[in-house]
N, C-alpha and C. Protein backbone atom coordinates (compact mmCIF):
# COMPACT_ATOMS: atom_id res chain seq x y z
N UNK A 1 0.80 -1.20 0.02
CA UNK A 1 -0.02 0.01 0.00
C UNK A 1 0.91 1.25 0.03
N UNK A 2 0.49 2.23 -0.74
CA UNK A 2 1.27 3.49 -0.82
C UNK A 2 1.00 4.36 0.39
N UNK A 3 2.09 4.79 0.90
CA UNK A 3 2.00 5.84 2.04
C UNK A 3 2.14 7.24 1.42
N UNK A 4 3.05 7.41 0.52
CA UNK A 4 3.35 8.75 -0.10
C UNK A 4 3.00 8.69 -1.62
N UNK A 5 1.94 9.22 -1.98
CA UNK A 5 1.50 9.25 -3.41
C UNK A 5 2.40 10.14 -4.23
N UNK A 6 2.93 11.24 -3.66
CA UNK A 6 3.76 12.17 -4.43
C UNK A 6 5.03 11.46 -4.96
N UNK A 7 5.61 10.65 -4.17
CA UNK A 7 6.87 9.98 -4.53
C UNK A 7 6.75 8.52 -4.75
N UNK A 8 5.56 7.98 -4.60
CA UNK A 8 5.31 6.52 -4.79
C UNK A 8 5.97 5.65 -3.77
N UNK A 9 6.04 6.09 -2.52
CA UNK A 9 6.73 5.33 -1.40
C UNK A 9 5.63 4.41 -0.72
N UNK A 10 5.98 3.16 -0.53
CA UNK A 10 5.11 2.17 0.05
C UNK A 10 5.39 2.04 1.49
N UNK A 11 4.42 1.32 2.16
CA UNK A 11 4.68 0.96 3.61
C UNK A 11 5.92 0.17 3.74
N UNK A 12 6.05 -0.73 2.83
CA UNK A 12 7.28 -1.67 2.91
C UNK A 12 8.53 -0.86 2.88
N UNK A 13 8.53 0.19 2.02
CA UNK A 13 9.76 1.02 1.94
C UNK A 13 10.02 1.81 3.21
N UNK A 14 8.92 2.35 3.81
CA UNK A 14 9.06 3.05 5.01
C UNK A 14 9.56 2.12 6.11
N UNK A 15 9.04 0.90 6.19
CA UNK A 15 9.41 -0.03 7.15
C UNK A 15 10.84 -0.50 6.95
N UNK A 16 11.29 -0.49 5.71
CA UNK A 16 12.69 -0.89 5.38
C UNK A 16 13.66 0.19 5.96
N UNK A 17 13.29 1.45 5.72
CA UNK A 17 14.07 2.51 6.29
C UNK A 17 14.00 2.60 7.83
N UNK A 18 12.92 2.26 8.36
CA UNK A 18 12.77 2.19 9.88
C UNK A 18 13.71 1.03 10.40
N UNK A 19 13.71 -0.13 9.72
CA UNK A 19 14.60 -1.23 10.09
C UNK A 19 16.10 -0.79 10.02
N UNK A 20 16.36 0.12 9.09
CA UNK A 20 17.76 0.59 8.88
C UNK A 20 18.08 1.71 9.94
N UNK A 21 17.12 2.10 10.78
CA UNK A 21 17.35 3.03 11.81
C UNK A 21 16.72 4.33 11.81
N UNK A 22 15.88 4.62 10.81
CA UNK A 22 15.12 5.82 10.74
C UNK A 22 13.97 5.78 11.77
N UNK A 23 13.92 6.70 12.63
CA UNK A 23 12.86 6.66 13.74
C UNK A 23 11.94 7.97 13.71
N UNK A 24 12.16 8.85 12.79
CA UNK A 24 11.38 10.07 12.75
C UNK A 24 10.94 10.31 11.32
N UNK A 25 9.88 11.05 11.08
CA UNK A 25 9.47 11.30 9.75
C UNK A 25 10.54 12.15 8.95
N UNK A 26 11.31 12.93 9.66
CA UNK A 26 12.41 13.70 9.00
C UNK A 26 13.47 12.72 8.53
N UNK A 27 13.78 11.67 9.28
CA UNK A 27 14.79 10.70 8.81
C UNK A 27 14.23 9.93 7.61
N UNK A 28 12.99 9.66 7.60
CA UNK A 28 12.35 8.97 6.42
C UNK A 28 12.42 9.89 5.27
N UNK A 29 12.13 11.19 5.40
CA UNK A 29 12.21 12.12 4.35
C UNK A 29 13.58 12.20 3.75
N UNK A 30 14.65 12.19 4.63
CA UNK A 30 15.97 12.26 4.15
C UNK A 30 16.35 10.90 3.31
N UNK A 31 15.74 9.83 3.75
CA UNK A 31 16.00 8.62 3.01
C UNK A 31 15.28 8.42 1.76
N UNK A 32 14.12 8.90 1.64
CA UNK A 32 13.27 8.63 0.37
C UNK A 32 12.38 9.77 -0.09
N UNK A 33 12.44 10.92 0.53
CA UNK A 33 11.64 12.07 0.20
C UNK A 33 10.15 12.02 0.59
N UNK A 34 9.75 10.88 1.20
CA UNK A 34 8.38 10.77 1.65
C UNK A 34 8.04 11.91 2.62
N UNK A 35 6.94 12.60 2.47
CA UNK A 35 6.53 13.57 3.39
C UNK A 35 7.10 14.92 3.06
N UNK A 36 7.90 15.14 2.03
CA UNK A 36 8.43 16.42 1.71
C UNK A 36 7.66 17.30 0.73
N UNK A 37 6.65 16.74 0.02
CA UNK A 37 5.90 17.54 -0.96
C UNK A 37 4.69 18.05 -0.32
N UNK A 38 3.56 17.34 -0.40
CA UNK A 38 2.27 17.88 0.15
C UNK A 38 2.12 17.68 1.64
N UNK A 39 2.81 16.74 2.20
CA UNK A 39 2.78 16.49 3.66
C UNK A 39 1.60 15.70 4.13
N UNK A 40 0.83 15.22 3.16
CA UNK A 40 -0.34 14.42 3.58
C UNK A 40 -0.06 13.10 4.13
N UNK A 41 1.15 12.58 3.97
CA UNK A 41 1.46 11.28 4.43
C UNK A 41 2.18 11.27 5.81
N UNK A 42 2.51 12.41 6.28
CA UNK A 42 3.28 12.46 7.52
C UNK A 42 2.70 11.77 8.69
N UNK A 43 1.44 11.91 8.85
CA UNK A 43 0.83 11.20 10.01
C UNK A 43 0.82 9.73 9.78
N UNK A 44 0.71 9.27 8.60
CA UNK A 44 0.70 7.84 8.33
C UNK A 44 2.16 7.33 8.65
N UNK A 45 3.13 8.15 8.21
CA UNK A 45 4.56 7.74 8.51
C UNK A 45 4.79 7.71 10.04
N UNK A 46 4.28 8.76 10.66
CA UNK A 46 4.45 8.67 12.19
C UNK A 46 3.79 7.53 12.79
N UNK A 47 2.64 7.16 12.33
CA UNK A 47 2.00 5.89 12.82
C UNK A 47 2.79 4.69 12.56
N UNK A 48 3.40 4.53 11.40
CA UNK A 48 4.24 3.37 11.08
C UNK A 48 5.54 3.39 11.91
N UNK A 49 6.10 4.46 12.11
CA UNK A 49 7.33 4.64 12.87
C UNK A 49 7.03 4.41 14.33
N UNK A 50 5.88 4.85 14.83
CA UNK A 50 5.51 4.72 16.23
C UNK A 50 5.50 3.18 16.60
N UNK A 51 4.97 2.43 15.74
CA UNK A 51 4.84 1.00 16.01
C UNK A 51 6.26 0.39 15.91
N UNK A 52 7.03 0.66 14.85
CA UNK A 52 8.26 0.07 14.58
C UNK A 52 9.35 0.55 15.52
N UNK A 53 9.44 1.81 15.76
CA UNK A 53 10.61 2.35 16.50
C UNK A 53 10.44 2.29 17.98
N UNK A 54 9.16 2.40 18.49
CA UNK A 54 9.06 2.44 19.92
C UNK A 54 9.54 1.06 20.53
N UNK A 55 9.30 0.02 19.91
CA UNK A 55 9.82 -1.29 20.40
C UNK A 55 11.25 -1.35 20.31
N UNK A 56 11.83 -0.95 19.14
CA UNK A 56 13.27 -0.95 19.02
C UNK A 56 13.99 -0.04 20.04
N UNK A 57 13.39 1.14 20.21
CA UNK A 57 14.04 2.04 21.19
C UNK A 57 14.02 1.48 22.61
N UNK A 58 12.92 0.83 22.99
CA UNK A 58 12.83 0.22 24.37
C UNK A 58 13.87 -0.87 24.50
N UNK A 59 14.06 -1.67 23.45
CA UNK A 59 14.95 -2.84 23.58
C UNK A 59 16.43 -2.38 23.40
N UNK A 60 16.69 -1.59 22.49
CA UNK A 60 18.13 -1.27 22.18
C UNK A 60 18.71 -0.01 22.83
N UNK A 61 17.94 0.89 23.34
CA UNK A 61 18.43 2.07 23.90
C UNK A 61 18.04 2.29 25.34
N UNK A 62 18.99 2.79 26.13
CA UNK A 62 18.67 3.14 27.51
C UNK A 62 18.26 4.66 27.49
N UNK A 63 17.09 4.97 27.92
CA UNK A 63 16.67 6.37 27.89
C UNK A 63 16.42 6.75 29.38
N UNK A 64 16.63 8.05 29.60
CA UNK A 64 16.31 8.58 30.89
C UNK A 64 14.83 8.96 30.89
N UNK A 65 14.21 8.83 32.05
CA UNK A 65 12.84 9.13 32.16
C UNK A 65 12.47 10.52 31.67
N UNK A 66 11.36 10.68 31.10
CA UNK A 66 11.01 12.03 30.59
C UNK A 66 10.97 13.14 31.67
N UNK A 67 10.52 12.67 32.84
CA UNK A 67 10.30 13.71 33.92
C UNK A 67 11.75 14.22 34.30
N UNK A 68 12.74 13.40 34.23
CA UNK A 68 14.12 13.83 34.60
C UNK A 68 14.71 14.83 33.57
N UNK A 69 14.26 14.74 32.26
CA UNK A 69 14.90 15.52 31.24
C UNK A 69 14.08 16.85 31.06
N UNK A 70 12.91 16.95 31.65
CA UNK A 70 12.15 18.18 31.50
C UNK A 70 12.43 19.11 32.65
N UNK A 71 12.78 20.32 32.38
CA UNK A 71 13.05 21.33 33.45
C UNK A 71 11.76 21.88 33.93
N UNK A 72 11.78 22.46 35.12
CA UNK A 72 10.60 23.15 35.65
C UNK A 72 10.48 24.50 35.00
N UNK A 73 9.24 25.01 34.76
CA UNK A 73 9.14 26.29 34.20
C UNK A 73 9.66 27.39 35.05
N UNK A 74 10.21 28.41 34.52
CA UNK A 74 10.83 29.56 35.28
C UNK A 74 9.79 30.62 35.39
N UNK A 75 9.48 31.03 36.59
CA UNK A 75 8.58 32.09 36.76
C UNK A 75 9.32 33.42 36.61
N UNK A 76 8.75 34.34 35.75
CA UNK A 76 9.38 35.65 35.55
C UNK A 76 8.79 36.69 36.46
N UNK A 77 9.62 37.55 37.04
CA UNK A 77 9.13 38.55 37.81
C UNK A 77 8.21 39.48 37.01
N UNK A 78 7.29 40.01 37.64
CA UNK A 78 6.27 40.91 36.96
C UNK A 78 6.90 42.00 36.21
N UNK A 79 8.01 42.58 36.76
CA UNK A 79 8.72 43.69 36.08
C UNK A 79 9.38 43.20 34.77
N UNK A 80 9.63 41.95 34.57
CA UNK A 80 10.28 41.45 33.37
C UNK A 80 9.35 41.27 32.27
N UNK A 81 8.03 41.20 32.59
CA UNK A 81 7.04 41.12 31.47
C UNK A 81 6.68 42.36 30.91
N UNK A 82 6.88 42.50 29.57
CA UNK A 82 6.59 43.84 28.97
C UNK A 82 5.12 43.87 28.53
N UNK A 83 4.64 45.13 28.55
CA UNK A 83 3.29 45.35 28.14
C UNK A 83 3.28 45.55 26.67
N UNK A 84 2.57 44.66 25.91
CA UNK A 84 2.60 44.77 24.49
C UNK A 84 1.31 45.40 23.91
N UNK A 85 0.52 45.95 24.72
CA UNK A 85 -0.67 46.63 24.28
C UNK A 85 -0.34 47.91 23.55
N UNK A 86 -1.07 48.23 22.59
CA UNK A 86 -0.91 49.50 21.89
C UNK A 86 -1.56 50.67 22.66
N UNK A 87 -0.90 51.83 22.67
CA UNK A 87 -1.54 52.93 23.45
C UNK A 87 -2.88 53.35 22.80
N UNK A 88 -3.79 53.76 23.65
CA UNK A 88 -5.08 54.19 23.16
C UNK A 88 -4.96 55.51 22.40
N UNK A 89 -5.61 55.57 21.18
CA UNK A 89 -5.63 56.78 20.42
C UNK A 89 -6.58 57.75 21.01
N UNK A 90 -6.12 59.00 21.06
CA UNK A 90 -6.90 60.07 21.70
C UNK A 90 -7.80 60.77 20.78
């Protein structure tokens, strides 16, 4: 079944690139151009990669937990926030 009509890329081709190590739509695009023209196939590529790469990532790579890699938001003092409103016309 075709995933990318613009370049005639099939599911089998996307899976082949995923097996070779591509785990993002951008990496697939670099390998075969799929997703670089109209963009209509990017969600389908994401779905295919989500199934293929998530298992491979869990098995072959040690990742740190998401909570550990996400910083806490920084609170800005009120004085640091600029007023972007336009002045009222008189």
